[in-house]
Amino acid sequence: MQEEVLISLACMDTGCRVVVYDIQGGYGIMNTLKSLGITPGKRITRITPIPVKGPIAVEMDKVQVVIGFGMASRIMVKAGEKICDC
């Protein structure tokens, strides 16, 4: 049985489809991400091809949103169809 690996959204490779597991932060960040539709249990795909510490674009439910690198680093995800390395 494969062990589940948790990584931050900021460490994901482009094209990885994952499930949001947890959001590490206070009410402010949780409410902001909730208003964007990013909540635990949601399937998202990283679509930003640039591996720098800039904004990160993700797609979920056929909608694309962009969040900052700091916010993305607080979103913990479970690897989905392919394992992604940081």
C-alpha atoms as a PDB file:
ATOM      1  CA  MET A   1       0.000   0.000   0.000  1.00  0.00           C
ATOM      2  CA  GLN A   2       1.353   3.415  -0.971  1.00  0.00           C
ATOM      3  CA  GLU A   3       1.914   5.935   1.797  1.00  0.00           C
ATOM      4  CA  GLU A   4       0.105   9.254   1.350  1.00  0.00           C
ATOM      5  CA  VAL A   5       2.476  12.165   0.970  1.00  0.00           C
ATOM      6  CA  LEU A   6       1.545  15.708   1.998  1.00  0.00           C
ATOM      7  CA  ILE A   7       3.277  18.619   0.285  1.00  0.00           C
ATOM      8  CA  SER A   8       2.505  22.292  -0.072  1.00  0.00           C
ATOM      9  CA  LEU A   9       0.813  23.583  -3.195  1.00  0.00           C
ATOM     10  CA  ALA A  10       3.879  25.767  -3.795  1.00  0.00           C
ATOM     11  CA  CYS A  11       6.082  22.653  -4.154  1.00  0.00           C
ATOM     12  CA  MET A  12       3.905  20.919  -6.740  1.00  0.00           C
ATOM     13  CA  ASP A  13       4.959  20.373 -10.337  1.00  0.00           C
ATOM     14  CA  THR A  14       2.958  21.923 -13.148  1.00  0.00           C
ATOM     15  CA  GLY A  15       0.080  19.722 -14.249  1.00  0.00           C
ATOM     16  CA  CYS A  16      -0.226  17.794 -10.995  1.00  0.00           C
ATOM     17  CA  ARG A  17      -3.807  17.081  -9.961  1.00  0.00           C
ATOM     18  CA  VAL A  18      -4.143  16.897  -6.182  1.00  0.00           C
ATOM     19  CA  VAL A  19      -6.662  17.061  -3.349  1.00  0.00           C
ATOM     20  CA  VAL A  20      -6.474  19.854  -0.765  1.00  0.00           C
ATOM     21  CA  TYR A  21      -5.895  18.201   2.611  1.00  0.00           C
ATOM     22  CA  ASP A  22      -5.410  21.106   5.030  1.00  0.00           C
ATOM     23  CA  ILE A  23      -4.889  24.862   5.179  1.00  0.00           C
ATOM     24  CA  GLN A  24      -2.295  25.991   7.682  1.00  0.00           C
ATOM     25  CA  GLY A  25      -3.201  29.459   8.848  1.00  0.00           C
ATOM     26  CA  GLY A  26      -5.647  31.601  10.717  1.00  0.00           C
ATOM     27  CA  TYR A  27      -9.164  32.737   9.952  1.00  0.00           C
ATOM     28  CA  GLY A  28      -7.994  35.399   7.490  1.00  0.00           C
ATOM     29  CA  ILE A  29      -6.235  33.040   5.083  1.00  0.00           C
ATOM     30  CA  MET A  30      -8.915  30.381   5.501  1.00  0.00           C
ATOM     31  CA  ASN A  31     -11.700  32.834   4.661  1.00  0.00           C
ATOM     32  CA  THR A  32      -9.805  34.230   1.674  1.00  0.00           C
ATOM     33  CA  LEU A  33      -9.193  30.760   0.234  1.00  0.00           C
ATOM     34  CA  LYS A  34     -12.775  29.710   0.982  1.00  0.00           C
ATOM     35  CA  SER A  35     -14.049  32.698  -0.987  1.00  0.00           C
ATOM     36  CA  LEU A  36     -11.906  31.514  -3.936  1.00  0.00           C
ATOM     37  CA  GLY A  37     -13.347  28.008  -3.618  1.00  0.00           C
ATOM     38  CA  ILE A  38     -10.190  26.385  -2.214  1.00  0.00           C
ATOM     39  CA  THR A  39     -11.276  24.220   0.701  1.00  0.00           C
ATOM     40  CA  PRO A  40     -10.175  20.848   2.131  1.00  0.00           C
ATOM     41  CA  GLY A  41     -11.373  18.028  -0.106  1.00  0.00           C
ATOM     42  CA  LYS A  42     -11.292  20.126  -3.307  1.00  0.00           C
ATOM     43  CA  ARG A  43      -9.434  18.715  -6.366  1.00  0.00           C
ATOM     44  CA  ILE A  44      -7.118  21.265  -7.953  1.00  0.00           C
ATOM     45  CA  THR A  45      -4.489  21.318 -10.690  1.00  0.00           C
ATOM     46  CA  ARG A  46      -1.476  23.617 -10.734  1.00  0.00           C
ATOM     47  CA  ILE A  47      -1.158  25.300 -14.120  1.00  0.00           C
ATOM     48  CA  THR A  48       1.630  27.827 -13.543  1.00  0.00           C
ATOM     49  CA  PRO A  49       4.668  26.690 -15.543  1.00  0.00           C
ATOM     50  CA  ILE A  50       7.184  29.044 -13.922  1.00  0.00           C
ATOM     51  CA  PRO A  51       9.182  27.538 -10.990  1.00  0.00           C
ATOM     52  CA  VAL A  52       9.820  30.842  -9.199  1.00  0.00           C
ATOM     53  CA  LYS A  53       8.381  32.325  -6.032  1.00  0.00           C
ATOM     54  CA  GLY A  54       5.717  34.309  -7.851  1.00  0.00           C
ATOM     55  CA  PRO A  55       1.959  33.981  -8.208  1.00  0.00           C
ATOM     56  CA  ILE A  56       0.626  30.454  -8.688  1.00  0.00           C
ATOM     57  CA  ALA A  57      -2.343  29.705 -10.943  1.00  0.00           C
ATOM     58  CA  VAL A  58      -4.549  26.707 -10.191  1.00  0.00           C
ATOM     59  CA  GLU A  59      -7.601  25.258 -11.878  1.00  0.00           C
ATOM     60  CA  MET A  60     -10.610  23.689 -10.160  1.00  0.00           C
ATOM     61  CA  ASP A  61     -14.082  22.998 -11.475  1.00  0.00           C
ATOM     62  CA  LYS A  62     -13.096  24.549 -14.852  1.00  0.00           C
ATOM     63  CA  VAL A  63     -12.227  27.847 -13.124  1.00  0.00           C
ATOM     64  CA  GLN A  64      -8.728  29.315 -12.857  1.00  0.00           C
ATOM     65  CA  VAL A  65      -7.587  31.395  -9.879  1.00  0.00           C
ATOM     66  CA  VAL A  66      -4.228  32.932  -9.003  1.00  0.00           C
ATOM     67  CA  ILE A  67      -2.856  33.071  -5.465  1.00  0.00           C
ATOM     68  CA  GLY A  68       0.404  34.305  -4.011  1.00  0.00           C
ATOM     69  CA  PHE A  69       3.362  32.038  -3.279  1.00  0.00           C
ATOM     70  CA  GLY A  70       3.049  32.553   0.503  1.00  0.00           C
ATOM     71  CA  MET A  71      -0.605  31.592   0.497  1.00  0.00           C
ATOM     72  CA  ALA A  72       0.104  28.565  -1.723  1.00  0.00           C
ATOM     73  CA  SER A  73       2.801  27.381   0.677  1.00  0.00           C
ATOM     74  CA  ARG A  74       0.169  27.121   3.440  1.00  0.00           C
ATOM     75  CA  ILE A  75      -2.097  24.822   1.422  1.00  0.00           C
ATOM     76  CA  MET A  76      -1.219  21.185   2.138  1.00  0.00           C
ATOM     77  CA  VAL A  77      -2.246  18.700  -0.535  1.00  0.00           C
ATOM     78  CA  LYS A  78      -2.271  14.939  -1.095  1.00  0.00           C
ATOM     79  CA  ALA A  79      -0.654  13.746  -4.298  1.00  0.00           C
ATOM     80  CA  GLY A  80      -3.238  12.482  -6.759  1.00  0.00           C
ATOM     81  CA  GLU A  81      -2.694  10.697 -10.054  1.00  0.00           C
ATOM     82  CA  LYS A  82       1.044  11.347 -10.152  1.00  0.00           C
ATOM     83  CA  ILE A  83       3.576  11.954  -7.420  1.00  0.00           C
ATOM     84  CA  CYS A  84       4.955  15.480  -7.468  1.00  0.00           C
ATOM     85  CA  ASP A  85       8.352  16.460  -6.096  1.00  0.00           C
ATOM     86  CA  CYS A  86       9.345  19.691  -4.408  1.00  0.00           C
END
